[in-house]
């Protein structure tokens, strides 16, 4: 009897998780795509913020802030590429080059 109860609890847990994931996927599939103008504005803003953060001195937790802004910039760049239907392989190459450039800029400074 305890085994059956254990299996029932595990099954209920998995079913609840599956339903939550299905609701999450359905919610984001229903959202309209972001306008190109907004993606462009986000990219420009994040690039300016990244340059400002990188060149600022005396900033508390500068490394963490730079990493966070770089991550946001790369996310916005990948969203823009998906919106423009750029090939996934080409997108991977672009993101890899951007990450390499960020690494060399950080090591060089």
Protein backbone atom coordinates (compact mmCIF):
# COMPACT_ATOMS: atom_id res chain seq x y z
CA UNK A 1 0.00 0.00 0.00
CA UNK A 2 2.74 2.57 0.81
CA UNK A 3 4.32 1.85 -2.58
CA UNK A 4 1.07 2.66 -4.39
CA UNK A 5 0.76 5.91 -2.47
CA UNK A 6 4.35 6.79 -3.36
CA UNK A 7 3.74 6.11 -7.05
CA UNK A 8 0.53 8.17 -6.91
CA UNK A 9 2.39 11.11 -5.35
CA UNK A 10 5.18 10.92 -7.95
CA UNK A 11 2.59 10.73 -10.75
CA UNK A 12 0.68 13.71 -9.37
CA UNK A 13 3.91 15.69 -9.07
CA UNK A 14 4.90 14.92 -12.68
CA UNK A 15 1.41 15.75 -13.96
CA UNK A 16 1.42 19.09 -12.15
CA UNK A 17 4.83 19.94 -13.57
CA UNK A 18 3.74 18.94 -17.08
CA UNK A 19 0.62 21.13 -16.83
CA UNK A 20 2.67 24.09 -15.57
CA UNK A 21 5.11 23.76 -18.47
CA UNK A 22 2.25 23.48 -20.97
CA UNK A 23 0.63 26.64 -19.60
CA UNK A 24 3.97 28.45 -19.72
CA UNK A 25 4.58 27.44 -23.36
CA UNK A 26 1.04 28.36 -24.41
CA UNK A 27 1.31 31.76 -22.76
CA UNK A 28 4.49 32.73 -24.59
CA UNK A 29 3.40 31.32 -27.94
CA UNK A 30 0.36 33.59 -27.81
CA UNK A 31 2.46 36.75 -27.44
CA UNK A 32 2.93 38.80 -30.61
CA UNK A 33 6.52 39.27 -31.81
CA UNK A 34 8.32 42.39 -30.64
CA UNK A 35 8.44 45.22 -33.17
CA UNK A 36 11.77 45.67 -34.94
CA UNK A 37 11.94 49.28 -33.77
CA UNK A 38 11.79 48.17 -30.13
CA UNK A 39 14.49 45.54 -30.68
CA UNK A 40 16.67 48.16 -32.37
CA UNK A 41 16.16 50.60 -29.49
CA UNK A 42 16.99 47.88 -26.96
CA UNK A 43 20.19 46.97 -28.81
CA UNK A 44 21.30 50.60 -29.01
CA UNK A 45 20.50 51.23 -25.34
CA UNK A 46 22.25 48.06 -24.16
CA UNK A 47 25.32 48.73 -26.29
CA UNK A 48 25.60 52.27 -24.89
CA UNK A 49 25.10 50.96 -21.35
CA UNK A 50 27.73 48.28 -21.93
CA UNK A 51 30.29 50.80 -23.17
CA UNK A 52 29.51 53.10 -20.24
CA UNK A 53 29.83 50.28 -17.71
CA UNK A 54 33.08 49.00 -19.22
CA UNK A 55 34.78 52.41 -19.22
CA UNK A 56 33.57 53.56 -15.80
CA UNK A 57 36.04 53.46 -12.94
CA UNK A 58 35.29 52.96 -9.28
CA UNK A 59 32.15 50.95 -9.96
CA UNK A 60 31.14 48.45 -7.27
CA UNK A 61 30.98 44.85 -8.58
CA UNK A 62 31.98 46.07 -12.04
CA UNK A 63 32.76 42.60 -13.37
CA UNK A 64 29.30 41.31 -12.44
CA UNK A 65 27.56 44.34 -13.93
CA UNK A 66 29.52 44.05 -17.17
CA UNK A 67 28.70 40.34 -17.41
CA UNK A 68 25.00 41.04 -16.80
CA UNK A 69 24.82 43.78 -19.44
CA UNK A 70 26.75 41.62 -21.91
CA UNK A 71 24.29 38.79 -21.34
CA UNK A 72 21.35 41.13 -21.87
CA UNK A 73 22.97 42.47 -25.04
CA UNK A 74 23.53 38.97 -26.42
CA UNK A 75 19.93 38.02 -25.57
CA UNK A 76 18.62 41.08 -27.39
CA UNK A 77 20.89 40.34 -30.34
CA UNK A 78 19.66 36.76 -30.58
CA UNK A 79 16.02 37.93 -30.32
CA UNK A 80 16.59 40.38 -33.15
CA UNK A 81 18.19 37.68 -35.29
CA UNK A 82 15.28 35.31 -34.64
CA UNK A 83 12.82 38.10 -35.49
CA UNK A 84 14.66 38.70 -38.78
CA UNK A 85 14.72 34.94 -39.55
CA UNK A 86 18.50 34.72 -39.59
CA UNK A 87 19.77 31.14 -39.89
CA UNK A 88 20.48 29.47 -36.53
CA UNK A 89 23.97 28.37 -37.57
CA UNK A 90 24.84 31.91 -38.65
CA UNK A 91 23.40 33.19 -35.37
CA UNK A 92 25.65 30.81 -33.43
CA UNK A 93 28.67 32.11 -35.34
CA UNK A 94 27.67 35.72 -34.62
CA UNK A 95 27.15 35.05 -30.92
CA UNK A 96 30.43 33.14 -30.68
CA UNK A 97 32.30 36.03 -32.31
CA UNK A 98 30.62 38.53 -30.00
CA UNK A 99 31.54 36.46 -26.94
CA UNK A 100 35.14 36.16 -28.16
CA UNK A 101 35.31 39.90 -28.76
CA UNK A 102 33.96 40.56 -25.26
CA UNK A 103 36.56 38.20 -23.78
CA UNK A 104 39.45 39.84 -25.65
CA UNK A 105 38.22 43.34 -24.75
CA UNK A 106 37.92 42.39 -21.10
CA UNK A 107 41.36 40.77 -20.97
CA UNK A 108 42.88 43.67 -22.90
CA UNK A 109 41.52 46.33 -20.54
